[in-house]
């Protein structure tokens, strides 16, 4: 189901949802409101089950995307054998243990071996995997594996830094903790290459 909305200034909002899932999700979220002690018929909550049903479909839309195909859709022959790095890619995902968000940034590098891919495709791969129920460790390896499989580069490096709301909102309630995960293949397993990558993603442009 695709829904268009135009405002007074001509802004057009396009929303895509699976209608057969939307109705079921809305029903379950309405039941959840009752189970936690709320009144689903209260004015402020009348449309909340539908809103949340739409929200969860948006937040998990990554299941509908094939990261390998994303990379292959813009794969080009190129005789370039130095690092290609896309850093500070924003991540918004849901922890699969509590379905509470974790947010952060991904830093990705690869060394081509005859093929490169469009730079935006790297970010789209991150989006495809992060818009699923996730753990940060798996997300890191999935991104690395997708790039490695699609491009067969000389090496891939992925580092993710994220704050987990399940640690700050509940449980130990530590507000400032940051989790860092990494995964390296090929040339990046050499200490000097890995150190160069870490140095480059740590450097800010002036």
N, C-alpha and C. Protein backbone atom coordinates (compact mmCIF):
# COMPACT_ATOMS: atom_id res chain seq x y z
N UNK A 1 0.85 -1.18 0.00
CA UNK A 1 0.00 0.00 0.00
C UNK A 1 0.88 1.23 0.00
N UNK A 2 0.67 2.12 -0.92
CA UNK A 2 1.44 3.35 -1.02
C UNK A 2 0.52 4.53 -0.81
N UNK A 3 0.88 5.40 0.11
CA UNK A 3 0.03 6.52 0.47
C UNK A 3 0.77 7.82 0.27
N UNK A 4 0.18 8.73 -0.50
CA UNK A 4 0.78 10.04 -0.76
C UNK A 4 0.04 11.11 0.02
N UNK A 5 0.77 12.05 0.59
CA UNK A 5 0.17 13.17 1.28
C UNK A 5 0.83 14.45 0.81
N UNK A 6 0.02 15.43 0.42
CA UNK A 6 0.56 16.72 0.00
C UNK A 6 0.10 17.80 0.96
N UNK A 7 1.05 18.57 1.45
CA UNK A 7 0.74 19.67 2.35
C UNK A 7 0.53 20.96 1.59
N UNK A 8 0.35 22.03 2.31
CA UNK A 8 0.07 23.32 1.70
C UNK A 8 1.24 23.83 0.87
N UNK A 9 2.46 23.43 1.22
CA UNK A 9 3.64 23.90 0.52
C UNK A 9 4.07 22.95 -0.59
N UNK A 10 3.25 21.94 -0.87
CA UNK A 10 3.56 21.01 -1.95
C UNK A 10 4.43 19.84 -1.54
N UNK A 11 4.74 19.73 -0.24
CA UNK A 11 5.55 18.60 0.25
C UNK A 11 4.80 17.30 0.03
N UNK A 12 5.45 16.33 -0.53
CA UNK A 12 4.83 15.04 -0.80
C UNK A 12 5.51 13.96 0.03
N UNK A 13 4.72 13.28 0.83
CA UNK A 13 5.22 12.20 1.67
C UNK A 13 4.74 10.87 1.10
N UNK A 14 5.65 9.98 0.83
CA UNK A 14 5.29 8.67 0.28
C UNK A 14 5.59 7.60 1.32
N UNK A 15 4.57 6.84 1.69
CA UNK A 15 4.73 5.78 2.68
C UNK A 15 4.36 4.44 2.04
N UNK A 16 5.17 3.43 2.31
CA UNK A 16 4.91 2.11 1.76
C UNK A 16 4.80 1.10 2.90
N UNK A 17 3.69 0.39 2.95
CA UNK A 17 3.48 -0.60 3.98
C UNK A 17 2.81 -1.83 3.36
N UNK A 18 3.00 -2.98 4.02
CA UNK A 18 2.33 -4.21 3.59
C UNK A 18 0.96 -4.24 4.25
N UNK A 19 -0.12 -4.02 3.50
CA UNK A 19 -1.45 -3.86 4.11
C UNK A 19 -1.90 -5.08 4.89
N UNK A 20 -1.51 -6.29 4.42
CA UNK A 20 -1.95 -7.51 5.10
C UNK A 20 -1.30 -7.64 6.48
N UNK A 21 -0.08 -7.08 6.63
CA UNK A 21 0.60 -7.11 7.91
C UNK A 21 0.15 -5.96 8.81
N UNK A 22 -0.18 -4.84 8.19
CA UNK A 22 -0.51 -3.64 8.94
C UNK A 22 -1.70 -3.86 9.87
N UNK A 23 -2.73 -4.51 9.36
CA UNK A 23 -3.94 -4.73 10.15
C UNK A 23 -3.67 -5.66 11.33
N UNK A 24 -2.87 -6.71 11.09
CA UNK A 24 -2.54 -7.64 12.16
C UNK A 24 -1.70 -6.98 13.23
N UNK A 25 -0.71 -6.22 12.80
CA UNK A 25 0.15 -5.53 13.75
C UNK A 25 -0.66 -4.53 14.59
N UNK A 26 -1.54 -3.80 13.93
CA UNK A 26 -2.38 -2.83 14.65
C UNK A 26 -3.20 -3.53 15.73
N UNK A 27 -3.75 -4.68 15.41
CA UNK A 27 -4.56 -5.43 16.37
C UNK A 27 -3.72 -5.84 17.59
N UNK A 28 -2.51 -6.31 17.33
CA UNK A 28 -1.66 -6.76 18.43
C UNK A 28 -1.20 -5.59 19.30
N UNK A 29 -0.86 -4.47 18.68
CA UNK A 29 -0.44 -3.32 19.48
C UNK A 29 -1.60 -2.75 20.31
N UNK A 30 -2.80 -2.86 19.80
CA UNK A 30 -3.96 -2.43 20.58
C UNK A 30 -4.11 -3.32 21.82
N UNK A 31 -3.87 -4.63 21.62
CA UNK A 31 -3.95 -5.56 22.75
C UNK A 31 -2.85 -5.27 23.77
N UNK A 32 -1.66 -4.91 23.29
CA UNK A 32 -0.56 -4.60 24.19
C UNK A 32 -0.90 -3.40 25.06
N UNK A 33 -1.53 -2.39 24.48
CA UNK A 33 -1.93 -1.21 25.27
C UNK A 33 -2.83 -1.62 26.43
N UNK A 34 -3.76 -2.51 26.16
CA UNK A 34 -4.66 -2.99 27.22
C UNK A 34 -3.88 -3.76 28.28
N UNK A 35 -2.93 -4.59 27.83
CA UNK A 35 -2.18 -5.44 28.76
C UNK A 35 -1.29 -4.63 29.71
N UNK A 36 -0.82 -3.46 29.27
CA UNK A 36 0.02 -2.65 30.16
C UNK A 36 -0.79 -1.71 31.02
N UNK A 37 -2.12 -1.79 30.90
CA UNK A 37 -2.98 -1.00 31.78
C UNK A 37 -3.51 0.28 31.18
N UNK A 38 -3.33 0.46 29.86
CA UNK A 38 -3.84 1.66 29.21
C UNK A 38 -5.23 1.42 28.61
N UNK A 39 -5.86 2.50 28.22
CA UNK A 39 -7.16 2.44 27.56
C UNK A 39 -6.98 2.77 26.08
N UNK A 40 -7.04 1.77 25.19
CA UNK A 40 -6.83 2.02 23.77
C UNK A 40 -7.86 2.98 23.17
N UNK A 41 -8.97 3.18 23.89
CA UNK A 41 -10.01 4.08 23.38
C UNK A 41 -9.80 5.52 23.84
N UNK A 42 -8.77 5.73 24.66
CA UNK A 42 -8.48 7.09 25.08
C UNK A 42 -8.07 7.93 23.87
N UNK A 43 -8.49 9.19 23.86
CA UNK A 43 -8.30 10.04 22.69
C UNK A 43 -6.87 10.03 22.16
N UNK A 44 -5.92 10.18 23.06
CA UNK A 44 -4.52 10.25 22.62
C UNK A 44 -3.97 8.94 22.07
N UNK A 45 -4.69 7.83 22.32
CA UNK A 45 -4.19 6.52 21.89
C UNK A 45 -4.99 5.90 20.75
N UNK A 46 -6.03 6.58 20.31
CA UNK A 46 -6.91 5.99 19.30
C UNK A 46 -6.15 5.54 18.06
N UNK A 47 -5.23 6.35 17.58
CA UNK A 47 -4.49 6.01 16.35
C UNK A 47 -3.11 5.45 16.62
N UNK A 48 -2.75 5.31 17.91
CA UNK A 48 -1.40 4.84 18.23
C UNK A 48 -1.09 3.43 17.73
N UNK A 49 -2.00 2.46 17.84
CA UNK A 49 -1.69 1.12 17.33
C UNK A 49 -1.34 1.13 15.84
N UNK A 50 -2.05 1.93 15.06
CA UNK A 50 -1.75 2.00 13.63
C UNK A 50 -0.41 2.70 13.40
N UNK A 51 -0.16 3.75 14.15
CA UNK A 51 1.11 4.46 14.00
C UNK A 51 2.29 3.54 14.32
N UNK A 52 2.16 2.79 15.40
CA UNK A 52 3.26 1.89 15.80
C UNK A 52 3.41 0.76 14.79
N UNK A 53 2.29 0.28 14.25
CA UNK A 53 2.35 -0.76 13.22
C UNK A 53 3.12 -0.28 11.99
N UNK A 54 2.88 0.96 11.61
CA UNK A 54 3.63 1.54 10.49
C UNK A 54 5.09 1.72 10.87
N UNK A 55 5.33 2.16 12.09
CA UNK A 55 6.69 2.42 12.55
C UNK A 55 7.53 1.15 12.54
N UNK A 56 6.98 0.05 13.05
CA UNK A 56 7.77 -1.17 13.12
C UNK A 56 8.07 -1.73 11.73
N UNK A 57 7.16 -1.52 10.79
CA UNK A 57 7.44 -1.94 9.41
C UNK A 57 8.57 -1.10 8.82
N UNK A 58 8.57 0.18 9.12
CA UNK A 58 9.65 1.05 8.61
C UNK A 58 10.99 0.66 9.24
N UNK A 59 10.98 0.42 10.55
CA UNK A 59 12.22 0.13 11.26
C UNK A 59 12.81 -1.23 10.92
N UNK A 60 12.01 -2.11 10.33
CA UNK A 60 12.50 -3.45 9.97
C UNK A 60 12.42 -3.70 8.47
N UNK A 61 12.44 -2.64 7.68
CA UNK A 61 12.31 -2.78 6.23
C UNK A 61 13.53 -3.44 5.60
N UNK A 62 14.61 -3.58 6.36
CA UNK A 62 15.81 -4.20 5.81
C UNK A 62 15.62 -5.64 5.37
N UNK A 63 14.61 -6.31 5.94
CA UNK A 63 14.35 -7.69 5.53
C UNK A 63 13.94 -7.79 4.06
N UNK A 64 13.47 -6.69 3.50
CA UNK A 64 13.01 -6.67 2.11
C UNK A 64 14.12 -6.35 1.12
N UNK A 65 15.34 -6.12 1.60
CA UNK A 65 16.43 -5.72 0.71
C UNK A 65 17.55 -6.75 0.71
N UNK A 66 18.14 -6.96 -0.44
CA UNK A 66 19.25 -7.90 -0.60
C UNK A 66 20.56 -7.10 -0.71
N UNK A 67 21.38 -7.08 0.33
CA UNK A 67 22.60 -6.27 0.32
C UNK A 67 23.55 -6.62 -0.82
N UNK A 68 23.64 -7.90 -1.17
CA UNK A 68 24.54 -8.29 -2.26
C UNK A 68 24.08 -7.69 -3.58
N UNK A 69 22.77 -7.72 -3.82
CA UNK A 69 22.24 -7.15 -5.05
C UNK A 69 22.42 -5.64 -5.08
N UNK A 70 22.34 -5.01 -3.92
CA UNK A 70 22.58 -3.57 -3.84
C UNK A 70 23.98 -3.25 -4.35
N UNK A 71 24.96 -4.00 -3.90
CA UNK A 71 26.35 -3.76 -4.31
C UNK A 71 26.56 -4.08 -5.78
N UNK A 72 25.97 -5.18 -6.25
CA UNK A 72 26.16 -5.58 -7.64
C UNK A 72 25.46 -4.64 -8.62
N UNK A 73 24.45 -3.92 -8.14
CA UNK A 73 23.72 -3.01 -9.03
C UNK A 73 24.58 -1.83 -9.48
N UNK A 74 25.69 -1.61 -8.80
CA UNK A 74 26.60 -0.52 -9.19
C UNK A 74 28.04 -0.98 -9.06
N UNK A 75 28.34 -2.14 -9.63
CA UNK A 75 29.70 -2.66 -9.61
C UNK A 75 30.39 -2.32 -10.93
N UNK A 76 31.57 -1.73 -10.83
CA UNK A 76 32.28 -1.26 -12.02
C UNK A 76 33.72 -1.77 -12.01
N UNK A 77 34.23 -2.09 -13.20
CA UNK A 77 35.64 -2.46 -13.32
C UNK A 77 36.50 -1.23 -13.14
N UNK A 78 37.51 -1.35 -12.30
CA UNK A 78 38.41 -0.22 -12.06
C UNK A 78 39.74 -0.75 -11.53
N UNK A 79 40.83 -0.29 -12.13
CA UNK A 79 42.16 -0.73 -11.71
C UNK A 79 42.66 0.20 -10.60
N UNK A 80 42.08 0.04 -9.43
CA UNK A 80 42.45 0.86 -8.26
C UNK A 80 42.64 -0.08 -7.09
N UNK A 81 43.80 0.00 -6.44
CA UNK A 81 44.13 -0.98 -5.40
C UNK A 81 44.57 -0.32 -4.10
N UNK A 82 43.99 0.84 -3.82
CA UNK A 82 44.22 1.51 -2.55
C UNK A 82 42.91 1.49 -1.76
N UNK A 83 42.97 1.93 -0.52
CA UNK A 83 41.78 1.89 0.34
C UNK A 83 40.67 2.80 -0.18
N UNK A 84 39.46 2.28 -0.11
CA UNK A 84 38.26 3.08 -0.30
C UNK A 84 37.54 3.06 1.05
N UNK A 85 37.34 4.23 1.64
CA UNK A 85 36.75 4.31 2.98
C UNK A 85 35.51 5.19 2.96
N UNK A 86 34.43 4.68 3.51
CA UNK A 86 33.24 5.48 3.75
C UNK A 86 33.01 5.43 5.26
N UNK A 87 33.14 6.57 5.91
CA UNK A 87 33.05 6.56 7.37
C UNK A 87 31.89 7.42 7.85
N UNK A 88 31.61 7.29 9.14
CA UNK A 88 30.54 8.05 9.80
C UNK A 88 29.17 7.81 9.16
N UNK A 89 28.91 6.58 8.77
CA UNK A 89 27.59 6.21 8.25
C UNK A 89 26.65 6.00 9.45
N UNK A 90 25.62 6.78 9.53
CA UNK A 90 24.72 6.69 10.67
C UNK A 90 23.96 5.36 10.70
N UNK A 91 23.83 4.83 11.90
CA UNK A 91 23.13 3.56 12.10
C UNK A 91 21.99 3.77 13.08
N UNK A 92 20.82 3.27 12.71
CA UNK A 92 19.67 3.21 13.61
C UNK A 92 19.14 1.78 13.52
N UNK A 93 19.21 1.06 14.62
CA UNK A 93 18.77 -0.33 14.59
C UNK A 93 18.03 -0.67 15.87
N UNK A 94 17.45 -1.87 15.90
CA UNK A 94 16.72 -2.36 17.07
C UNK A 94 17.42 -3.58 17.63
N UNK A 95 17.78 -3.52 18.91
CA UNK A 95 18.36 -4.67 19.59
C UNK A 95 17.33 -5.81 19.60
N UNK A 96 17.74 -6.99 19.17
CA UNK A 96 16.78 -8.09 19.08
C UNK A 96 16.39 -8.66 20.45
N UNK A 97 17.15 -8.33 21.48
CA UNK A 97 16.85 -8.87 22.80
C UNK A 97 15.72 -8.13 23.50
N UNK A 98 15.67 -6.80 23.29
CA UNK A 98 14.64 -6.00 23.96
C UNK A 98 13.82 -5.16 22.99
N UNK A 99 14.23 -5.17 21.70
CA UNK A 99 13.59 -4.34 20.67
C UNK A 99 13.61 -2.88 21.08
N UNK A 100 14.74 -2.46 21.64
CA UNK A 100 15.00 -1.07 22.00
C UNK A 100 16.12 -0.60 21.07
N UNK A 101 16.12 0.66 20.64
CA UNK A 101 17.09 1.12 19.65
C UNK A 101 18.54 1.11 20.13
N UNK A 102 19.44 0.91 19.18
CA UNK A 102 20.83 1.30 19.37
C UNK A 102 21.23 2.14 18.16
N UNK A 103 22.00 3.18 18.42
CA UNK A 103 22.34 4.15 17.38
C UNK A 103 23.84 4.40 17.40
N UNK A 104 24.39 4.69 16.22
CA UNK A 104 25.82 4.95 16.17
C UNK A 104 26.28 5.21 14.76
N UNK A 105 27.55 4.85 14.49
CA UNK A 105 28.15 5.09 13.19
C UNK A 105 28.97 3.88 12.76
N UNK A 106 28.96 3.65 11.45
CA UNK A 106 29.78 2.59 10.85
C UNK A 106 30.88 3.22 10.01
N UNK A 107 32.06 2.63 10.09
CA UNK A 107 33.20 3.05 9.28
C UNK A 107 33.63 1.83 8.46
N UNK A 108 33.63 1.98 7.15
CA UNK A 108 33.85 0.82 6.27
C UNK A 108 34.94 1.12 5.25
N UNK A 109 35.83 0.18 5.08
CA UNK A 109 36.87 0.31 4.08
C UNK A 109 37.06 -0.99 3.32
N UNK A 110 37.47 -0.86 2.06
CA UNK A 110 37.84 -2.06 1.30
C UNK A 110 38.92 -1.69 0.31
N UNK A 111 39.69 -2.68 -0.10
CA UNK A 111 40.74 -2.49 -1.09
C UNK A 111 40.32 -3.25 -2.35
N UNK A 112 39.99 -2.53 -3.41
CA UNK A 112 39.46 -3.18 -4.62
C UNK A 112 40.43 -4.18 -5.24
N UNK A 113 39.83 -5.12 -5.93
CA UNK A 113 40.59 -6.15 -6.64
C UNK A 113 40.01 -6.27 -8.05
N UNK A 114 39.99 -5.14 -8.75
CA UNK A 114 39.43 -5.14 -10.10
C UNK A 114 38.05 -4.53 -10.19
N UNK A 115 37.34 -4.45 -9.06
CA UNK A 115 35.99 -3.90 -9.07
C UNK A 115 35.78 -2.93 -7.91
N UNK A 116 35.03 -1.87 -8.19
CA UNK A 116 34.58 -0.96 -7.15
C UNK A 116 33.05 -0.93 -7.19
N UNK A 117 32.44 -0.32 -6.16
CA UNK A 117 30.99 -0.16 -6.15
C UNK A 117 30.66 1.30 -5.86
N UNK A 118 29.47 1.71 -6.22
CA UNK A 118 29.05 3.07 -5.93
C UNK A 118 29.12 3.36 -4.44
N UNK A 119 29.61 4.53 -4.07
CA UNK A 119 29.82 4.85 -2.65
C UNK A 119 28.51 4.80 -1.87
N UNK A 120 27.42 5.24 -2.49
CA UNK A 120 26.13 5.23 -1.78
C UNK A 120 25.67 3.80 -1.50
N UNK A 121 26.16 2.85 -2.29
CA UNK A 121 25.74 1.46 -2.09
C UNK A 121 26.30 0.91 -0.78
N UNK A 122 27.46 1.39 -0.36
CA UNK A 122 28.01 0.98 0.92
C UNK A 122 27.06 1.39 2.04
N UNK A 123 26.60 2.65 1.99
CA UNK A 123 25.66 3.12 3.00
C UNK A 123 24.34 2.36 2.93
N UNK A 124 23.92 2.00 1.74
CA UNK A 124 22.66 1.25 1.60
C UNK A 124 22.76 -0.16 2.17
N UNK A 125 23.94 -0.75 2.08
CA UNK A 125 24.15 -2.06 2.68
C UNK A 125 24.03 -1.96 4.21
N UNK A 126 24.63 -0.91 4.77
CA UNK A 126 24.51 -0.68 6.21
C UNK A 126 23.04 -0.54 6.59
N UNK A 127 22.30 0.22 5.80
CA UNK A 127 20.88 0.43 6.07
C UNK A 127 20.09 -0.87 5.98
N UNK A 128 20.39 -1.67 4.96
CA UNK A 128 19.66 -2.92 4.76
C UNK A 128 19.81 -3.87 5.94
N UNK A 129 21.01 -3.93 6.51
CA UNK A 129 21.22 -4.83 7.65
C UNK A 129 20.81 -4.21 8.98
N UNK A 130 20.96 -2.90 9.12
CA UNK A 130 20.63 -2.28 10.40
C UNK A 130 19.13 -2.15 10.60
N UNK A 131 18.35 -2.09 9.49
CA UNK A 131 16.90 -2.02 9.61
C UNK A 131 16.30 -3.42 9.76
N UNK A 132 16.86 -4.16 10.70
CA UNK A 132 16.39 -5.49 11.08
C UNK A 132 16.58 -5.61 12.59
N UNK A 133 16.01 -6.63 13.19
CA UNK A 133 16.34 -6.90 14.59
C UNK A 133 17.78 -7.40 14.61
N UNK A 134 18.61 -6.79 15.45
CA UNK A 134 20.04 -7.02 15.32
C UNK A 134 20.74 -7.13 16.66
N UNK A 135 21.96 -7.64 16.60
CA UNK A 135 22.98 -7.42 17.63
C UNK A 135 24.15 -6.79 16.90
N UNK A 136 24.88 -5.94 17.56
CA UNK A 136 25.93 -5.17 16.89
C UNK A 136 27.02 -6.07 16.32
N UNK A 137 27.32 -7.14 17.03
CA UNK A 137 28.38 -8.04 16.57
C UNK A 137 28.02 -8.66 15.21
N UNK A 138 26.78 -9.14 15.09
CA UNK A 138 26.35 -9.76 13.83
C UNK A 138 26.28 -8.72 12.72
N UNK A 139 25.76 -7.54 13.04
CA UNK A 139 25.66 -6.47 12.05
C UNK A 139 27.03 -6.17 11.44
N UNK A 140 28.04 -6.12 12.28
CA UNK A 140 29.40 -5.83 11.81
C UNK A 140 29.87 -6.87 10.80
N UNK A 141 29.67 -8.14 11.14
CA UNK A 141 30.13 -9.23 10.27
C UNK A 141 29.29 -9.34 9.00
N UNK A 142 28.00 -9.07 9.09
CA UNK A 142 27.14 -9.15 7.90
C UNK A 142 27.55 -8.12 6.85
N UNK A 143 27.85 -6.91 7.30
CA UNK A 143 28.29 -5.87 6.37
C UNK A 143 29.60 -6.29 5.70
N UNK A 144 30.53 -6.79 6.51
CA UNK A 144 31.82 -7.24 5.97
C UNK A 144 31.63 -8.36 4.95
N UNK A 145 30.80 -9.34 5.29
CA UNK A 145 30.60 -10.49 4.41
C UNK A 145 29.94 -10.09 3.09
N UNK A 146 28.98 -9.17 3.14
CA UNK A 146 28.28 -8.75 1.92
C UNK A 146 29.26 -8.09 0.94
N UNK A 147 30.12 -7.21 1.45
CA UNK A 147 31.09 -6.53 0.59
C UNK A 147 32.12 -7.52 0.05
N UNK A 148 32.54 -8.43 0.91
CA UNK A 148 33.53 -9.43 0.51
C UNK A 148 32.98 -10.35 -0.58
N UNK A 149 31.73 -10.78 -0.43
CA UNK A 149 31.12 -11.71 -1.39
C UNK A 149 30.83 -11.04 -2.73
N UNK A 150 30.37 -9.79 -2.70
CA UNK A 150 29.95 -9.13 -3.93
C UNK A 150 31.13 -8.60 -4.75
N UNK A 151 32.17 -8.13 -4.08
CA UNK A 151 33.27 -7.46 -4.78
C UNK A 151 34.56 -8.26 -4.82
N UNK A 152 34.68 -9.29 -3.97
CA UNK A 152 35.91 -10.08 -3.87
C UNK A 152 37.14 -9.18 -3.78
N UNK A 153 37.14 -8.24 -2.84
CA UNK A 153 38.26 -7.28 -2.74
C UNK A 153 39.48 -7.93 -2.09
N UNK A 154 40.56 -7.14 -2.02
CA UNK A 154 41.77 -7.62 -1.36
C UNK A 154 41.61 -7.62 0.15
N UNK A 155 40.63 -6.89 0.64
CA UNK A 155 40.37 -6.87 2.07
C UNK A 155 39.19 -5.96 2.38
N UNK A 156 38.54 -6.24 3.52
CA UNK A 156 37.42 -5.43 3.98
C UNK A 156 37.62 -5.13 5.46
N UNK A 157 37.28 -3.91 5.86
CA UNK A 157 37.36 -3.52 7.27
C UNK A 157 36.05 -2.84 7.66
N UNK A 158 35.50 -3.26 8.79
CA UNK A 158 34.26 -2.65 9.30
C UNK A 158 34.44 -2.39 10.79
N UNK A 159 34.18 -1.15 11.20
CA UNK A 159 34.17 -0.78 12.61
C UNK A 159 32.85 -0.07 12.89
N UNK A 160 32.18 -0.48 13.95
CA UNK A 160 30.91 0.15 14.35
C UNK A 160 31.02 0.61 15.79
N UNK A 161 30.60 1.85 16.03
CA UNK A 161 30.52 2.41 17.38
C UNK A 161 29.06 2.76 17.63
N UNK A 162 28.51 2.30 18.75
CA UNK A 162 27.08 2.55 18.99
C UNK A 162 26.75 2.66 20.47
N UNK A 163 25.70 3.42 20.73
CA UNK A 163 25.12 3.51 22.07
C UNK A 163 23.85 2.69 22.08
N UNK A 164 23.70 1.86 23.11
CA UNK A 164 22.56 0.96 23.20
C UNK A 164 21.59 1.44 24.27
N UNK A 165 20.37 1.75 23.83
CA UNK A 165 19.36 2.25 24.76
C UNK A 165 18.97 1.20 25.81
N UNK A 166 19.20 -0.08 25.48
CA UNK A 166 18.88 -1.12 26.47
C UNK A 166 19.84 -1.05 27.66
N UNK A 167 20.99 -0.36 27.48
CA UNK A 167 21.92 -0.17 28.60
C UNK A 167 21.67 1.15 29.33
N UNK A 168 21.13 2.14 28.62
CA UNK A 168 20.93 3.45 29.26
C UNK A 168 19.52 3.65 29.79
N UNK A 169 18.51 3.00 29.17
CA UNK A 169 17.12 3.18 29.60
C UNK A 169 16.67 2.17 30.64
N UNK A 170 17.32 1.01 30.64
CA UNK A 170 16.92 -0.07 31.55
C UNK A 170 18.18 -0.79 32.02
N UNK A 171 18.02 -1.89 32.73
CA UNK A 171 19.18 -2.67 33.16
C UNK A 171 20.15 -1.87 33.99
N UNK A 172 21.40 -1.80 33.56
CA UNK A 172 22.43 -1.12 34.34
C UNK A 172 22.32 0.41 34.26
N UNK A 173 21.58 0.93 33.29
CA UNK A 173 21.31 2.36 33.14
C UNK A 173 22.59 3.20 33.13
N UNK A 174 23.52 2.81 32.29
CA UNK A 174 24.76 3.55 32.10
C UNK A 174 24.61 4.43 30.86
N UNK A 175 24.64 5.73 31.05
CA UNK A 175 24.26 6.67 30.00
C UNK A 175 25.34 6.92 28.96
N UNK A 176 26.59 6.75 29.31
CA UNK A 176 27.66 7.21 28.41
C UNK A 176 28.45 6.08 27.77
N UNK A 177 28.06 4.85 27.99
CA UNK A 177 28.84 3.74 27.45
C UNK A 177 28.68 3.63 25.93
N UNK A 178 29.77 3.30 25.27
CA UNK A 178 29.78 3.11 23.82
C UNK A 178 30.36 1.73 23.53
N UNK A 179 29.70 0.99 22.65
CA UNK A 179 30.19 -0.34 22.26
C UNK A 179 30.84 -0.24 20.89
N UNK A 180 32.06 -0.78 20.78
CA UNK A 180 32.79 -0.79 19.51
C UNK A 180 33.02 -2.22 19.07
N UNK A 181 32.68 -2.52 17.82
CA UNK A 181 32.93 -3.84 17.25
C UNK A 181 33.69 -3.67 15.94
N UNK A 182 34.45 -4.69 15.57
CA UNK A 182 35.22 -4.62 14.33
C UNK A 182 35.32 -6.00 13.70
N UNK A 183 35.54 -5.98 12.38
CA UNK A 183 35.77 -7.23 11.65
C UNK A 183 36.65 -6.89 10.44
N UNK A 184 37.69 -7.71 10.22
CA UNK A 184 38.66 -7.42 9.17
C UNK A 184 38.92 -8.69 8.37
N UNK A 185 39.11 -8.53 7.07
CA UNK A 185 39.49 -9.66 6.22
C UNK A 185 40.67 -9.26 5.34
N UNK A 186 41.34 -10.27 4.80
CA UNK A 186 42.37 -10.05 3.80
C UNK A 186 43.48 -9.12 4.26
N UNK A 187 43.76 -8.11 3.45
CA UNK A 187 44.87 -7.20 3.71
C UNK A 187 44.74 -6.47 5.03
N UNK A 188 43.51 -6.29 5.50
CA UNK A 188 43.31 -5.56 6.75
C UNK A 188 43.67 -6.39 7.98
N UNK A 189 43.97 -7.66 7.77
CA UNK A 189 44.44 -8.46 8.89
C UNK A 189 45.91 -8.21 9.19
N UNK A 190 46.60 -7.51 8.28
CA UNK A 190 47.98 -7.10 8.55
C UNK A 190 47.96 -5.87 9.45
N UNK A 191 48.81 -5.88 10.45
CA UNK A 191 48.78 -4.83 11.47
C UNK A 191 48.95 -3.44 10.88
N UNK A 192 49.87 -3.28 9.92
CA UNK A 192 50.14 -1.95 9.38
C UNK A 192 48.96 -1.42 8.55
N UNK A 193 48.29 -2.31 7.82
CA UNK A 193 47.13 -1.89 7.01
C UNK A 193 45.97 -1.54 7.92
N UNK A 194 45.76 -2.37 8.93
CA UNK A 194 44.68 -2.10 9.89
C UNK A 194 44.94 -0.78 10.62
N UNK A 195 46.18 -0.53 10.99
CA UNK A 195 46.52 0.72 11.70
C UNK A 195 46.27 1.93 10.82
N UNK A 196 46.58 1.81 9.52
CA UNK A 196 46.32 2.92 8.59
C UNK A 196 44.82 3.20 8.51
N UNK A 197 44.02 2.15 8.44
CA UNK A 197 42.56 2.31 8.37
C UNK A 197 42.04 3.00 9.63
N UNK A 198 42.49 2.53 10.80
CA UNK A 198 42.03 3.12 12.06
C UNK A 198 42.44 4.60 12.13
N UNK A 199 43.62 4.90 11.66
CA UNK A 199 44.08 6.29 11.66
C UNK A 199 43.22 7.16 10.75
N UNK A 200 42.88 6.64 9.58
CA UNK A 200 42.08 7.42 8.62
C UNK A 200 40.65 7.66 9.10
N UNK A 201 40.06 6.66 9.75
CA UNK A 201 38.67 6.87 10.20
C UNK A 201 38.63 7.75 11.45
N UNK A 202 39.79 7.90 12.11
CA UNK A 202 39.86 8.73 13.29
C UNK A 202 40.16 10.19 12.97
N UNK A 203 40.59 10.45 11.73
CA UNK A 203 40.98 11.79 11.32
C UNK A 203 39.76 12.57 10.83
N UNK A 204 39.61 13.78 11.35
CA UNK A 204 38.51 14.64 10.93
C UNK A 204 39.00 15.63 9.88
N UNK A 205 38.20 15.83 8.84
CA UNK A 205 38.55 16.82 7.83
C UNK A 205 38.45 18.22 8.43
N UNK A 206 39.42 19.07 8.11
CA UNK A 206 39.41 20.44 8.66
C UNK A 206 38.46 21.32 7.88
